[in-house]
Amino acid sequence: MENIENLVLEHLRHIRGRVDQIAEDMGDLKHRMSGLEQAMNLVKREINLSEETDARQQITLDKLAERIGRIERRLELS
């Protein structure tokens, strides 16, 4: 009977050690996921800024095209 109790205790210690290792691994994974989420947010922010810059540049190009068109009409080039 004592051998069975010792065997059960040995298995329980092993299981507890594995559970502790899994808990530690999960903590590490959560930490890494937080870092990835922060990096993704920075990438999203950069994309948004890039899109805003593109929109402003397009507006500027459109205005320049209008001005060139008016200049050409005044000079009767078109």
C-alpha atoms as a PDB file:
ATOM      1  CA  MET A   1       0.000   0.000   0.000  1.00  0.00           C
ATOM      2  CA  GLU A   2       2.860   2.362   0.815  1.00  0.00           C
ATOM      3  CA  ASN A   3       4.382   1.726  -2.616  1.00  0.00           C
ATOM      4  CA  ILE A   4       1.102   2.744  -4.257  1.00  0.00           C
ATOM      5  CA  GLU A   5       0.945   5.958  -2.189  1.00  0.00           C
ATOM      6  CA  ASN A   6       4.543   6.775  -3.099  1.00  0.00           C
ATOM      7  CA  LEU A   7       3.787   6.106  -6.775  1.00  0.00           C
ATOM      8  CA  VAL A   8       0.705   8.366  -6.634  1.00  0.00           C
ATOM      9  CA  LEU A   9       2.710  11.112  -4.901  1.00  0.00           C
ATOM     10  CA  GLU A  10       5.458  10.792  -7.493  1.00  0.00           C
ATOM     11  CA  HIS A  11       2.941  11.148 -10.306  1.00  0.00           C
ATOM     12  CA  LEU A  12       1.293  14.109  -8.601  1.00  0.00           C
ATOM     13  CA  ARG A  13       4.677  15.851  -8.207  1.00  0.00           C
ATOM     14  CA  HIS A  14       5.413  15.251 -11.855  1.00  0.00           C
ATOM     15  CA  ILE A  15       1.999  16.598 -12.872  1.00  0.00           C
ATOM     16  CA  ARG A  16       2.437  19.624 -10.617  1.00  0.00           C
ATOM     17  CA  GLY A  17       5.836  20.323 -12.149  1.00  0.00           C
ATOM     18  CA  ARG A  18       4.400  20.126 -15.656  1.00  0.00           C
ATOM     19  CA  VAL A  19       1.472  22.380 -14.725  1.00  0.00           C
ATOM     20  CA  ASP A  20       3.922  24.904 -13.264  1.00  0.00           C
ATOM     21  CA  GLN A  21       5.966  24.774 -16.482  1.00  0.00           C
ATOM     22  CA  ILE A  22       2.839  25.235 -18.601  1.00  0.00           C
ATOM     23  CA  ALA A  23       1.774  28.197 -16.452  1.00  0.00           C
ATOM     24  CA  GLU A  24       5.215  29.766 -16.895  1.00  0.00           C
ATOM     25  CA  ASP A  25       5.082  29.172 -20.652  1.00  0.00           C
ATOM     26  CA  MET A  26       1.630  30.766 -20.803  1.00  0.00           C
ATOM     27  CA  GLY A  27       2.954  33.820 -18.969  1.00  0.00           C
ATOM     28  CA  ASP A  28       5.761  34.098 -21.500  1.00  0.00           C
ATOM     29  CA  LEU A  29       3.311  33.731 -24.394  1.00  0.00           C
ATOM     30  CA  LYS A  30       1.022  36.414 -22.972  1.00  0.00           C
ATOM     31  CA  HIS A  31       3.992  38.756 -22.643  1.00  0.00           C
ATOM     32  CA  ARG A  32       5.067  38.079 -26.236  1.00  0.00           C
ATOM     33  CA  MET A  33       1.499  38.530 -27.520  1.00  0.00           C
ATOM     34  CA  SER A  34       1.307  41.911 -25.787  1.00  0.00           C
ATOM     35  CA  GLY A  35       4.490  42.927 -27.578  1.00  0.00           C
ATOM     36  CA  LEU A  36       3.067  41.779 -30.912  1.00  0.00           C
ATOM     37  CA  GLU A  37      -0.171  43.673 -30.308  1.00  0.00           C
ATOM     38  CA  GLN A  38       1.787  46.848 -29.576  1.00  0.00           C
ATOM     39  CA  ALA A  39       3.858  46.368 -32.725  1.00  0.00           C
ATOM     40  CA  MET A  40       0.720  45.793 -34.809  1.00  0.00           C
ATOM     41  CA  ASN A  41      -0.829  48.974 -33.421  1.00  0.00           C
ATOM     42  CA  LEU A  42       2.280  50.910 -34.438  1.00  0.00           C
ATOM     43  CA  VAL A  43       2.103  49.423 -37.944  1.00  0.00           C
ATOM     44  CA  LYS A  44      -1.590  50.344 -38.208  1.00  0.00           C
ATOM     45  CA  ARG A  45      -0.798  53.886 -37.065  1.00  0.00           C
ATOM     46  CA  GLU A  46       1.965  54.176 -39.684  1.00  0.00           C
ATOM     47  CA  ILE A  47      -0.399  52.925 -42.399  1.00  0.00           C
ATOM     48  CA  ASN A  48      -3.029  55.471 -41.390  1.00  0.00           C
ATOM     49  CA  LEU A  49      -0.472  58.280 -41.437  1.00  0.00           C
ATOM     50  CA  SER A  50       0.716  57.131 -44.859  1.00  0.00           C
ATOM     51  CA  GLU A  51      -2.840  57.116 -46.194  1.00  0.00           C
ATOM     52  CA  GLU A  52      -3.416  60.627 -44.832  1.00  0.00           C
ATOM     53  CA  THR A  53      -0.204  61.819 -46.478  1.00  0.00           C
ATOM     54  CA  ASP A  54      -1.251  60.232 -49.775  1.00  0.00           C
ATOM     55  CA  ALA A  55      -4.630  61.966 -49.599  1.00  0.00           C
ATOM     56  CA  ARG A  56      -3.017  65.360 -48.904  1.00  0.00           C
ATOM     57  CA  GLN A  57      -0.576  64.872 -51.783  1.00  0.00           C
ATOM     58  CA  GLN A  58      -3.409  63.938 -54.130  1.00  0.00           C
ATOM     59  CA  ILE A  59      -5.312  67.089 -53.167  1.00  0.00           C
ATOM     60  CA  THR A  60      -2.189  69.146 -53.830  1.00  0.00           C
ATOM     61  CA  LEU A  61      -1.679  67.461 -57.223  1.00  0.00           C
ATOM     62  CA  ASP A  62      -5.303  68.081 -58.158  1.00  0.00           C
ATOM     63  CA  LYS A  63      -4.965  71.780 -57.283  1.00  0.00           C
ATOM     64  CA  LEU A  64      -1.753  72.050 -59.298  1.00  0.00           C
ATOM     65  CA  ALA A  65      -3.420  70.354 -62.280  1.00  0.00           C
ATOM     66  CA  GLU A  66      -6.273  72.871 -62.081  1.00  0.00           C
ATOM     67  CA  ARG A  67      -3.836  75.794 -61.954  1.00  0.00           C
ATOM     68  CA  ILE A  68      -1.860  74.455 -64.909  1.00  0.00           C
ATOM     69  CA  GLY A  69      -5.100  74.031 -66.819  1.00  0.00           C
ATOM     70  CA  ARG A  70      -6.098  77.641 -66.117  1.00  0.00           C
ATOM     71  CA  ILE A  71      -2.635  78.890 -67.119  1.00  0.00           C
ATOM     72  CA  GLU A  72      -2.762  76.929 -70.378  1.00  0.00           C
ATOM     73  CA  ARG A  73      -6.221  78.319 -71.163  1.00  0.00           C
ATOM     74  CA  ARG A  74      -5.086  81.892 -70.431  1.00  0.00           C
ATOM     75  CA  LEU A  75      -2.055  81.454 -72.667  1.00  0.00           C
ATOM     76  CA  GLU A  76      -4.215  79.645 -75.193  1.00  0.00           C
ATOM     77  CA  LEU A  77      -1.895  76.619 -75.150  1.00  0.00           C
ATOM     78  CA  SER A  78      -4.586  73.993 -75.012  1.00  0.00           C
END
